Amino acid sequence: MSGRRILVVDDTASAAKITARLLTLLGYDVQVAHAGRSALEQCRSFRPEIVLLDVSLPDMDGFQVAMQVRQLEETKEALIVALTGHSEDTHRDRALGAGFDEYLVKPADANSLRQLASHPKLPVVACIGEDTPTL
């Protein structure tokens, strides 16, 4: 497990809580935001490596949030993942055009979430464990 920092942004408290709990059980350092503005504030302080972002938020849409996350010095290299209930290709195309790197449809399964930590965009993180050779 990599211990990567992940910010979950979802205005549905139960969905955010379940996703955050799953990611925590998988070994990640997780914080939650329920609106766009608070997500941007947390990006500045928490400096997430991965942002799981719902596209439908109460104060600003996820597309706007993604574009602003890309402009922040703290998160300009972050992996931004749309986590949404919209499965239409038009939404997927719009998300990728707005700066999202990946697009997952809710509910995302544990394997899909786990694979994000080894996304090629992210720097490699050394992990100590059974697969690590001893010196």
Protein backbone atom coordinates (compact mmCIF):
# COMPACT_ATOMS: atom_id res chain seq x y z
CA MET A 1 0.00 0.00 0.00
CA SER A 2 1.32 3.38 -0.91
CA GLY A 3 -0.21 5.70 1.70
CA ARG A 4 -0.91 8.27 -1.01
CA ARG A 5 -2.90 11.37 -0.07
CA ILE A 6 -6.39 11.29 -1.56
CA LEU A 7 -9.09 13.95 -1.38
CA VAL A 8 -12.65 12.68 -1.86
CA VAL A 9 -15.04 15.42 -3.00
CA ASP A 10 -18.73 14.51 -2.97
CA ASP A 11 -21.75 16.45 -1.76
CA THR A 12 -23.53 13.22 -0.81
CA ALA A 13 -22.19 12.65 2.69
CA SER A 14 -22.88 8.91 2.72
CA ALA A 15 -21.12 8.34 -0.63
CA ALA A 16 -18.11 10.37 0.50
CA LYS A 17 -17.95 8.53 3.82
CA ILE A 18 -18.11 5.07 2.20
CA THR A 19 -15.47 5.95 -0.41
CA ALA A 20 -13.19 7.50 2.21
CA ARG A 21 -13.58 4.50 4.52
CA LEU A 22 -12.73 2.06 1.72
CA LEU A 23 -9.66 4.07 0.73
CA THR A 24 -8.55 4.27 4.37
CA LEU A 25 -8.88 0.49 4.69
CA LEU A 26 -6.73 0.18 1.56
CA GLY A 27 -4.02 2.18 3.36
CA TYR A 28 -4.42 5.68 1.96
CA ASP A 29 -4.36 9.01 3.79
CA VAL A 30 -7.84 10.39 3.03
CA GLN A 31 -9.67 13.65 3.57
CA VAL A 32 -13.21 14.57 2.50
CA ALA A 33 -14.81 17.76 1.16
CA HIS A 34 -18.49 18.22 0.33
CA ALA A 35 -18.30 21.30 -1.90
CA GLY A 36 -16.03 22.84 -4.51
CA ARG A 37 -14.73 25.77 -2.49
CA SER A 38 -13.85 23.63 0.51
CA ALA A 39 -12.17 21.14 -1.84
CA LEU A 40 -9.93 23.90 -3.21
CA GLU A 41 -9.03 24.99 0.35
CA GLN A 42 -8.14 21.40 1.24
CA CYS A 43 -6.05 21.08 -1.92
CA ARG A 44 -3.90 23.96 -0.69
CA SER A 45 -3.38 22.53 2.80
CA PHE A 46 -3.56 18.73 2.31
CA ARG A 47 -1.79 18.67 -1.08
CA PRO A 48 -3.49 15.50 -2.34
CA GLU A 49 -1.81 13.36 -4.95
CA ILE A 50 -5.21 12.10 -6.10
CA VAL A 51 -8.50 14.03 -6.16
CA LEU A 52 -11.68 11.94 -6.54
CA LEU A 53 -14.18 14.54 -7.64
CA ASP A 54 -17.93 14.32 -8.14
CA VAL A 55 -18.99 16.48 -11.08
CA SER A 56 -22.24 17.61 -9.41
CA LEU A 57 -21.51 19.83 -6.42
CA PRO A 58 -23.71 22.45 -4.73
CA ASP A 59 -21.54 25.58 -5.04
CA MET A 60 -19.65 24.98 -8.29
CA ASP A 61 -19.58 22.09 -10.70
CA GLY A 62 -16.79 19.54 -10.68
CA PHE A 63 -15.57 20.68 -14.09
CA GLN A 64 -14.84 24.15 -12.66
CA VAL A 65 -13.21 22.61 -9.61
CA ALA A 66 -10.97 20.40 -11.77
CA MET A 67 -9.78 23.38 -13.80
CA GLN A 68 -8.97 25.31 -10.63
CA VAL A 69 -7.22 22.31 -9.02
CA ARG A 70 -4.97 22.23 -12.12
CA GLN A 71 -4.08 25.90 -11.57
CA LEU A 72 -3.03 25.48 -7.93
CA GLU A 73 0.70 25.08 -7.39
CA GLU A 74 0.01 22.41 -4.74
CA THR A 75 -2.03 20.19 -7.05
CA LYS A 76 -1.07 21.02 -10.61
CA GLU A 77 0.42 17.51 -11.00
CA ALA A 78 -2.34 15.69 -9.06
CA LEU A 79 -4.30 12.87 -10.62
CA ILE A 80 -7.86 14.18 -10.94
CA VAL A 81 -10.52 11.50 -11.24
CA ALA A 82 -14.19 12.12 -11.99
CA LEU A 83 -16.27 9.91 -9.69
CA THR A 84 -19.81 10.36 -10.89
CA GLY A 85 -23.15 8.72 -11.52
CA HIS A 86 -23.13 9.92 -15.14
CA SER A 87 -22.08 7.17 -17.54
CA GLU A 88 -22.79 9.02 -20.80
CA ASP A 89 -19.93 9.52 -23.25
CA THR A 90 -20.71 13.26 -23.46
CA HIS A 91 -20.00 13.62 -19.73
CA ARG A 92 -16.81 11.56 -20.04
CA ASP A 93 -15.59 13.69 -22.97
CA ARG A 94 -16.41 16.91 -21.14
CA ALA A 95 -14.59 15.71 -18.02
CA LEU A 96 -11.44 14.76 -19.91
CA GLY A 97 -11.56 18.11 -21.71
CA ALA A 98 -11.86 19.95 -18.39
CA GLY A 99 -8.64 18.44 -17.03
CA PHE A 100 -9.75 15.17 -15.45
CA ASP A 101 -7.26 12.36 -15.97
CA GLU A 102 -9.66 9.47 -15.40
CA TYR A 103 -13.40 8.90 -15.27
CA LEU A 104 -15.08 6.40 -12.92
CA VAL A 105 -18.79 5.74 -12.66
CA LYS A 106 -20.29 5.27 -9.19
CA PRO A 107 -20.12 3.03 -7.39
CA ALA A 108 -16.43 2.49 -8.07
CA ASP A 109 -15.13 -0.90 -7.00
CA ALA A 110 -12.13 -1.39 -4.73
CA ASN A 111 -9.90 -2.63 -7.57
CA SER A 112 -10.54 0.49 -9.67
CA LEU A 113 -9.74 2.71 -6.70
CA ARG A 114 -6.63 0.71 -5.79
CA GLN A 115 -5.30 0.92 -9.36
CA LEU A 116 -5.35 4.72 -9.23
CA ALA A 117 -2.38 4.69 -6.82
CA SER A 118 -0.19 3.15 -9.52
CA HIS A 119 -1.41 5.41 -12.32
CA PRO A 120 1.46 6.23 -14.72
CA LYS A 121 0.99 9.96 -14.11
CA LEU A 122 1.93 9.61 -10.43
CA PRO A 123 5.51 9.35 -9.19
CA VAL A 124 6.57 5.89 -8.07
CA VAL A 125 6.40 5.42 -4.31
CA ALA A 126 8.76 2.96 -2.67
CA CYS A 127 6.92 0.48 -0.47
CA ILE A 128 8.46 -1.77 2.12
CA GLY A 129 6.86 -5.16 2.25
CA GLU A 130 7.10 -8.78 1.25
CA ASP A 131 8.07 -7.97 -2.35
CA THR A 132 10.94 -5.70 -1.33
CA PRO A 133 14.33 -7.40 -1.47
CA THR A 134 16.39 -7.22 1.71
CA LEU A 135 19.87 -5.73 1.62
